[in-house]
Amino acid sequence: MLPAPLAFGIGMPGLPEMAIFAVIVLVLFGKRLPGAMRSLGQSVGALKQGLAESENTEDPPALESNTKTPTAA
């Protein structure tokens, strides 16, 4: 008995299918692809810069709020 995807002839895409898919994507989105990749690169750079800035802080505000203990009335 074959597993369900192989029984219908549908399996993982191979190299020829991925190449055809890449050509279709390049034809449809070729002119917009460089701008999208540039935007993605800028977003990743901003994320890394934000993470580096957050690591450089001495005491995060979340830790300061946990150190305060309420006084009993």
PDB file of N, CA and C in Angstrom:
ATOM      1  N   MET A   1       0.843  -1.179   0.000  1.00  0.00           N
ATOM      2  CA  MET A   1       0.000   0.000   0.000  1.00  0.00           C
ATOM      3  C   MET A   1       0.883   1.234   0.000  1.00  0.00           C
ATOM      4  N   LEU A   2       0.660   2.150  -0.924  1.00  0.00           N
ATOM      5  CA  LEU A   2       1.441   3.377  -1.038  1.00  0.00           C
ATOM      6  C   LEU A   2       0.868   4.467  -0.150  1.00  0.00           C
ATOM      7  N   PRO A   3       1.727   5.346   0.371  1.00  0.00           N
ATOM      8  CA  PRO A   3       1.208   6.502   1.122  1.00  0.00           C
ATOM      9  C   PRO A   3       0.331   7.358   0.211  1.00  0.00           C
ATOM     10  N   ALA A   4      -0.556   8.139   0.786  1.00  0.00           N
ATOM     11  CA  ALA A   4      -1.536   8.915   0.025  1.00  0.00           C
ATOM     12  C   ALA A   4      -0.910   9.838  -1.016  1.00  0.00           C
ATOM     13  N   PRO A   5       0.122  10.649  -0.712  1.00  0.00           N
ATOM     14  CA  PRO A   5       0.648  11.534  -1.754  1.00  0.00           C
ATOM     15  C   PRO A   5       1.255  10.772  -2.931  1.00  0.00           C
ATOM     16  N   LEU A   6       1.903   9.640  -2.704  1.00  0.00           N
ATOM     17  CA  LEU A   6       2.500   8.875  -3.793  1.00  0.00           C
ATOM     18  C   LEU A   6       1.446   8.110  -4.592  1.00  0.00           C
ATOM     19  N   ALA A   7       0.328   7.790  -3.985  1.00  0.00           N
ATOM     20  CA  ALA A   7      -0.730   7.063  -4.673  1.00  0.00           C
ATOM     21  C   ALA A   7      -1.333   7.904  -5.789  1.00  0.00           C
ATOM     22  N   PHE A   8      -1.367   9.227  -5.612  1.00  0.00           N
ATOM     23  CA  PHE A   8      -1.942  10.107  -6.618  1.00  0.00           C
ATOM     24  C   PHE A   8      -0.878  10.696  -7.544  1.00  0.00           C
ATOM     25  N   GLY A   9       0.372  10.314  -7.377  1.00  0.00           N
ATOM     26  CA  GLY A   9       1.438  10.817  -8.227  1.00  0.00           C
ATOM     27  C   GLY A   9       1.946  12.193  -7.821  1.00  0.00           C
ATOM     28  N   ILE A  10       1.584  12.654  -6.632  1.00  0.00           N
ATOM     29  CA  ILE A  10       2.023  13.965  -6.158  1.00  0.00           C
ATOM     30  C   ILE A  10       3.038  13.742  -5.040  1.00  0.00           C
ATOM     31  N   GLY A  11       4.236  14.189  -5.244  1.00  0.00           N
ATOM     32  CA  GLY A  11       5.277  14.044  -4.231  1.00  0.00           C
ATOM     33  C   GLY A  11       6.021  15.348  -4.060  1.00  0.00           C
ATOM     34  N   MET A  12       7.210  15.272  -3.533  1.00  0.00           N
ATOM     35  CA  MET A  12       8.038  16.456  -3.361  1.00  0.00           C
ATOM     36  C   MET A  12       8.534  16.920  -4.734  1.00  0.00           C
ATOM     37  N   PRO A  13       8.580  18.239  -4.952  1.00  0.00           N
ATOM     38  CA  PRO A  13       9.069  18.722  -6.243  1.00  0.00           C
ATOM     39  C   PRO A  13      10.569  18.468  -6.386  1.00  0.00           C
ATOM     40  N   GLY A  14      10.962  18.081  -7.574  1.00  0.00           N
ATOM     41  CA  GLY A  14      12.363  17.824  -7.856  1.00  0.00           C
ATOM     42  C   GLY A  14      13.030  19.042  -8.472  1.00  0.00           C
ATOM     43  N   LEU A  15      14.229  18.849  -8.968  1.00  0.00           N
ATOM     44  CA  LEU A  15      14.995  19.943  -9.558  1.00  0.00           C
ATOM     45  C   LEU A  15      14.311  20.542 -10.788  1.00  0.00           C
ATOM     46  N   PRO A  16      13.772  19.747 -11.700  1.00  0.00           N
ATOM     47  CA  PRO A  16      13.116  20.355 -12.871  1.00  0.00           C
ATOM     48  C   PRO A  16      11.896  21.214 -12.494  1.00  0.00           C
ATOM     49  N   GLU A  17      11.108  20.751 -11.542  1.00  0.00           N
ATOM     50  CA  GLU A  17       9.941  21.522 -11.128  1.00  0.00           C
ATOM     51  C   GLU A  17      10.350  22.822 -10.452  1.00  0.00           C
ATOM     52  N   MET A  18      11.398  22.777  -9.623  1.00  0.00           N
ATOM     53  CA  MET A  18      11.861  23.989  -8.951  1.00  0.00           C
ATOM     54  C   MET A  18      12.446  24.979  -9.950  1.00  0.00           C
ATOM     55  N   ALA A  19      13.119  24.489 -10.980  1.00  0.00           N
ATOM     56  CA  ALA A  19      13.674  25.371 -12.010  1.00  0.00           C
ATOM     57  C   ALA A  19      12.557  26.060 -12.781  1.00  0.00           C
ATOM     58  N   ILE A  20      11.516  25.316 -13.140  1.00  0.00           N
ATOM     59  CA  ILE A  20      10.367  25.906 -13.833  1.00  0.00           C
ATOM     60  C   ILE A  20       9.700  26.949 -12.957  1.00  0.00           C
ATOM     61  N   PHE A  21       9.546  26.664 -11.687  1.00  0.00           N
ATOM     62  CA  PHE A  21       8.943  27.612 -10.748  1.00  0.00           C
ATOM     63  C   PHE A  21       9.789  28.886 -10.650  1.00  0.00           C
ATOM     64  N   ALA A  22      11.120  28.741 -10.591  1.00  0.00           N
ATOM     65  CA  ALA A  22      12.012  29.901 -10.499  1.00  0.00           C
ATOM     66  C   ALA A  22      11.905  30.765 -11.750  1.00  0.00           C
ATOM     67  N   VAL A  23      11.806  30.143 -12.922  1.00  0.00           N
ATOM     68  CA  VAL A  23      11.677  30.907 -14.165  1.00  0.00           C
ATOM     69  C   VAL A  23      10.356  31.668 -14.181  1.00  0.00           C
ATOM     70  N   ILE A  24       9.281  31.039 -13.752  1.00  0.00           N
ATOM     71  CA  ILE A  24       7.974  31.703 -13.711  1.00  0.00           C
ATOM     72  C   ILE A  24       8.007  32.890 -12.747  1.00  0.00           C
ATOM     73  N   VAL A  25       8.615  32.717 -11.579  1.00  0.00           N
ATOM     74  CA  VAL A  25       8.717  33.808 -10.605  1.00  0.00           C
ATOM     75  C   VAL A  25       9.536  34.957 -11.181  1.00  0.00           C
ATOM     76  N   LEU A  26      10.645  34.657 -11.854  1.00  0.00           N
ATOM     77  CA  LEU A  26      11.470  35.708 -12.447  1.00  0.00           C
ATOM     78  C   LEU A  26      10.737  36.450 -13.557  1.00  0.00           C
ATOM     79  N   VAL A  27       9.946  35.744 -14.332  1.00  0.00           N
ATOM     80  CA  VAL A  27       9.197  36.397 -15.408  1.00  0.00           C
ATOM     81  C   VAL A  27       8.118  37.302 -14.828  1.00  0.00           C
ATOM     82  N   LEU A  28       7.414  36.829 -13.820  1.00  0.00           N
ATOM     83  CA  LEU A  28       6.315  37.612 -13.253  1.00  0.00           C
ATOM     84  C   LEU A  28       6.800  38.766 -12.379  1.00  0.00           C
ATOM     85  N   PHE A  29       7.833  38.544 -11.570  1.00  0.00           N
ATOM     86  CA  PHE A  29       8.247  39.531 -10.588  1.00  0.00           C
ATOM     87  C   PHE A  29       9.657  40.061 -10.836  1.00  0.00           C
ATOM     88  N   GLY A  30      10.191  39.885 -12.023  1.00  0.00           N
ATOM     89  CA  GLY A  30      11.576  40.258 -12.319  1.00  0.00           C
ATOM     90  C   GLY A  30      11.901  41.717 -12.068  1.00  0.00           C
ATOM     91  N   LYS A  31      11.014  42.622 -12.454  1.00  0.00           N
ATOM     92  CA  LYS A  31      11.291  44.049 -12.301  1.00  0.00           C
ATOM     93  C   LYS A  31      11.157  44.502 -10.851  1.00  0.00           C
ATOM     94  N   ARG A  32      10.309  43.865 -10.082  1.00  0.00           N
ATOM     95  CA  ARG A  32      10.093  44.265  -8.692  1.00  0.00           C
ATOM     96  C   ARG A  32      10.988  43.518  -7.712  1.00  0.00           C
ATOM     97  N   LEU A  33      11.630  42.467  -8.148  1.00  0.00           N
ATOM     98  CA  LEU A  33      12.436  41.632  -7.262  1.00  0.00           C
ATOM     99  C   LEU A  33      13.623  42.369  -6.643  1.00  0.00           C
ATOM    100  N   PRO A  34      14.412  43.159  -7.378  1.00  0.00           N
ATOM    101  CA  PRO A  34      15.530  43.865  -6.741  1.00  0.00           C
ATOM    102  C   PRO A  34      15.080  44.837  -5.649  1.00  0.00           C
ATOM    103  N   GLY A  35      13.993  45.540  -5.878  1.00  0.00           N
ATOM    104  CA  GLY A  35      13.476  46.466  -4.861  1.00  0.00           C
ATOM    105  C   GLY A  35      13.000  45.734  -3.626  1.00  0.00           C
ATOM    106  N   ALA A  36      12.361  44.593  -3.819  1.00  0.00           N
ATOM    107  CA  ALA A  36      11.882  43.807  -2.685  1.00  0.00           C
ATOM    108  C   ALA A  36      13.047  43.248  -1.878  1.00  0.00           C
ATOM    109  N   MET A  37      14.087  42.790  -2.550  1.00  0.00           N
ATOM    110  CA  MET A  37      15.264  42.259  -1.852  1.00  0.00           C
ATOM    111  C   MET A  37      16.002  43.375  -1.110  1.00  0.00           C
ATOM    112  N   ARG A  38      16.082  44.566  -1.704  1.00  0.00           N
ATOM    113  CA  ARG A  38      16.711  45.707  -1.043  1.00  0.00           C
ATOM    114  C   ARG A  38      15.939  46.071   0.219  1.00  0.00           C
ATOM    115  N   SER A  39      14.626  46.096   0.125  1.00  0.00           N
ATOM    116  CA  SER A  39      13.786  46.398   1.283  1.00  0.00           C
ATOM    117  C   SER A  39      13.952  45.339   2.369  1.00  0.00           C
ATOM    118  N   LEU A  40      14.021  44.087   1.970  1.00  0.00           N
ATOM    119  CA  LEU A  40      14.218  43.003   2.930  1.00  0.00           C
ATOM    120  C   LEU A  40      15.572  43.139   3.629  1.00  0.00           C
ATOM    121  N   GLY A  41      16.614  43.492   2.881  1.00  0.00           N
ATOM    122  CA  GLY A  41      17.929  43.688   3.463  1.00  0.00           C
ATOM    123  C   GLY A  41      17.964  44.834   4.453  1.00  0.00           C
ATOM    124  N   GLN A  42      17.269  45.932   4.133  1.00  0.00           N
ATOM    125  CA  GLN A  42      17.209  47.064   5.056  1.00  0.00           C
ATOM    126  C   GLN A  42      16.462  46.692   6.325  1.00  0.00           C
ATOM    127  N   SER A  43      15.412  45.890   6.194  1.00  0.00           N
ATOM    128  CA  SER A  43      14.654  45.452   7.366  1.00  0.00           C
ATOM    129  C   SER A  43      15.502  44.574   8.280  1.00  0.00           C
ATOM    130  N   VAL A  44      16.263  43.672   7.694  1.00  0.00           N
ATOM    131  CA  VAL A  44      17.134  42.800   8.484  1.00  0.00           C
ATOM    132  C   VAL A  44      18.209  43.628   9.180  1.00  0.00           C
ATOM    133  N   GLY A  45      18.763  44.619   8.482  1.00  0.00           N
ATOM    134  CA  GLY A  45      19.770  45.496   9.078  1.00  0.00           C
ATOM    135  C   GLY A  45      19.206  46.288  10.245  1.00  0.00           C
ATOM    136  N   ALA A  46      17.994  46.807  10.098  1.00  0.00           N
ATOM    137  CA  ALA A  46      17.358  47.553  11.181  1.00  0.00           C
ATOM    138  C   ALA A  46      17.070  46.642  12.371  1.00  0.00           C
ATOM    139  N   LEU A  47      16.676  45.408  12.106  1.00  0.00           N
ATOM    140  CA  LEU A  47      16.415  44.453  13.183  1.00  0.00           C
ATOM    141  C   LEU A  47      17.692  44.150  13.954  1.00  0.00           C
ATOM    142  N   LYS A  48      18.800  43.916  13.239  1.00  0.00           N
ATOM    143  CA  LYS A  48      20.073  43.636  13.902  1.00  0.00           C
ATOM    144  C   LYS A  48      20.542  44.830  14.711  1.00  0.00           C
ATOM    145  N   GLN A  49      20.355  46.035  14.184  1.00  0.00           N
ATOM    146  CA  GLN A  49      20.757  47.239  14.904  1.00  0.00           C
ATOM    147  C   GLN A  49      19.912  47.410  16.167  1.00  0.00           C
ATOM    148  N   GLY A  50      18.620  47.160  16.080  1.00  0.00           N
ATOM    149  CA  GLY A  50      17.746  47.248  17.239  1.00  0.00           C
ATOM    150  C   GLY A  50      18.110  46.224  18.306  1.00  0.00           C
ATOM    151  N   LEU A  51      18.450  45.014  17.890  1.00  0.00           N
ATOM    152  CA  LEU A  51      18.853  43.986  18.849  1.00  0.00           C
ATOM    153  C   LEU A  51      20.171  44.352  19.520  1.00  0.00           C
ATOM    154  N   ALA A  52      21.106  44.922  18.759  1.00  0.00           N
ATOM    155  CA  ALA A  52      22.386  45.323  19.328  1.00  0.00           C
ATOM    156  C   ALA A  52      22.193  46.461  20.332  1.00  0.00           C
ATOM    157  N   GLU A  53      21.313  47.394  20.033  1.00  0.00           N
ATOM    158  CA  GLU A  53      21.045  48.498  20.952  1.00  0.00           C
ATOM    159  C   GLU A  53      20.377  48.003  22.225  1.00  0.00           C
ATOM    160  N   SER A  54      19.480  47.023  22.104  1.00  0.00           N
ATOM    161  CA  SER A  54      18.794  46.520  23.292  1.00  0.00           C
ATOM    162  C   SER A  54      19.741  45.719  24.186  1.00  0.00           C
ATOM    163  N   GLU A  55      20.774  45.090  23.596  1.00  0.00           N
ATOM    164  CA  GLU A  55      21.740  44.343  24.398  1.00  0.00           C
ATOM    165  C   GLU A  55      22.692  45.280  25.133  1.00  0.00           C
ATOM    166  N   ASN A  56      22.876  46.496  24.624  1.00  0.00           N
ATOM    167  CA  ASN A  56      23.806  47.436  25.237  1.00  0.00           C
ATOM    168  C   ASN A  56      23.221  48.162  26.445  1.00  0.00           C
ATOM    169  N   THR A  57      21.929  48.070  26.665  1.00  0.00           N
ATOM    170  CA  THR A  57      21.339  48.741  27.822  1.00  0.00           C
ATOM    171  C   THR A  57      21.720  48.006  29.090  1.00  0.00           C
ATOM    172  N   GLU A  58      21.871  48.762  30.193  1.00  0.00           N
ATOM    173  CA  GLU A  58      22.309  48.149  31.450  1.00  0.00           C
ATOM    174  C   GLU A  58      21.193  47.348  32.114  1.00  0.00           C
ATOM    175  N   ASP A  59      20.077  47.987  32.400  1.00  0.00           N
ATOM    176  CA  ASP A  59      18.964  47.319  33.065  1.00  0.00           C
ATOM    177  C   ASP A  59      17.704  47.480  32.228  1.00  0.00           C
ATOM    178  N   PRO A  60      17.186  46.417  31.676  1.00  0.00           N
ATOM    179  CA  PRO A  60      15.933  46.513  30.929  1.00  0.00           C
ATOM    180  C   PRO A  60      14.798  46.911  31.867  1.00  0.00           C
ATOM    181  N   PRO A  61      13.817  47.660  31.395  1.00  0.00           N
ATOM    182  CA  PRO A  61      12.702  48.085  32.248  1.00  0.00           C
ATOM    183  C   PRO A  61      11.931  46.916  32.856  1.00  0.00           C
ATOM    184  N   ALA A  62      11.856  45.784  32.174  1.00  0.00           N
ATOM    185  CA  ALA A  62      11.116  44.637  32.695  1.00  0.00           C
ATOM    186  C   ALA A  62      11.766  44.120  33.981  1.00  0.00           C
ATOM    187  N   LEU A  63      13.096  44.137  34.065  1.00  0.00           N
ATOM    188  CA  LEU A  63      13.765  43.662  35.271  1.00  0.00           C
ATOM    189  C   LEU A  63      13.598  44.633  36.424  1.00  0.00           C
ATOM    190  N   GLU A  64      13.522  45.939  36.143  1.00  0.00           N
ATOM    191  CA  GLU A  64      13.354  46.917  37.194  1.00  0.00           C
ATOM    192  C   GLU A  64      11.979  46.766  37.851  1.00  0.00           C
ATOM    193  N   SER A  65      10.940  46.482  37.084  1.00  0.00           N
ATOM    194  CA  SER A  65       9.611  46.361  37.656  1.00  0.00           C
ATOM    195  C   SER A  65       9.481  45.102  38.524  1.00  0.00           C
ATOM    196  N   ASN A  66      10.258  44.068  38.251  1.00  0.00           N
ATOM    197  CA  ASN A  66      10.199  42.849  39.036  1.00  0.00           C
ATOM    198  C   ASN A  66      10.911  42.970  40.371  1.00  0.00           C
ATOM    199  N   THR A  67      11.843  43.924  40.514  1.00  0.00           N
ATOM    200  CA  THR A  67      12.597  44.045  41.750  1.00  0.00           C
ATOM    201  C   THR A  67      11.839  44.802  42.818  1.00  0.00           C
ATOM    202  N   LYS A  68      10.823  45.556  42.437  1.00  0.00           N
ATOM    203  CA  LYS A  68      10.042  46.309  43.403  1.00  0.00           C
ATOM    204  C   LYS A  68       9.060  45.380  44.114  1.00  0.00           C
ATOM    205  N   THR A  69       9.021  45.466  45.437  1.00  0.00           N
ATOM    206  CA  THR A  69       8.089  44.630  46.195  1.00  0.00           C
ATOM    207  C   THR A  69       7.042  45.535  46.808  1.00  0.00           C
ATOM    208  N   PRO A  70       5.788  45.150  46.758  1.00  0.00           N
ATOM    209  CA  PRO A  70       4.730  45.985  47.344  1.00  0.00           C
ATOM    210  C   PRO A  70       4.834  45.939  48.872  1.00  0.00           C
ATOM    211  N   THR A  71       4.510  47.037  49.507  1.00  0.00           N
ATOM    212  CA  THR A  71       4.537  47.101  50.974  1.00  0.00           C
ATOM    213  C   THR A  71       3.195  46.650  51.524  1.00  0.00           C
ATOM    214  N   ALA A  72       3.241  45.962  52.655  1.00  0.00           N
ATOM    215  CA  ALA A  72       2.012  45.465  53.280  1.00  0.00           C
ATOM    216  C   ALA A  72       1.343  46.620  54.004  1.00  0.00           C
ATOM    217  N   ALA A  73       0.024  46.719  53.874  1.00  0.00           N
ATOM    218  CA  ALA A  73      -0.726  47.819  54.503  1.00  0.00           C
ATOM    219  C   ALA A  73      -1.313  47.393  55.818  1.00  0.00           C
TER     220      ALA A  73
END
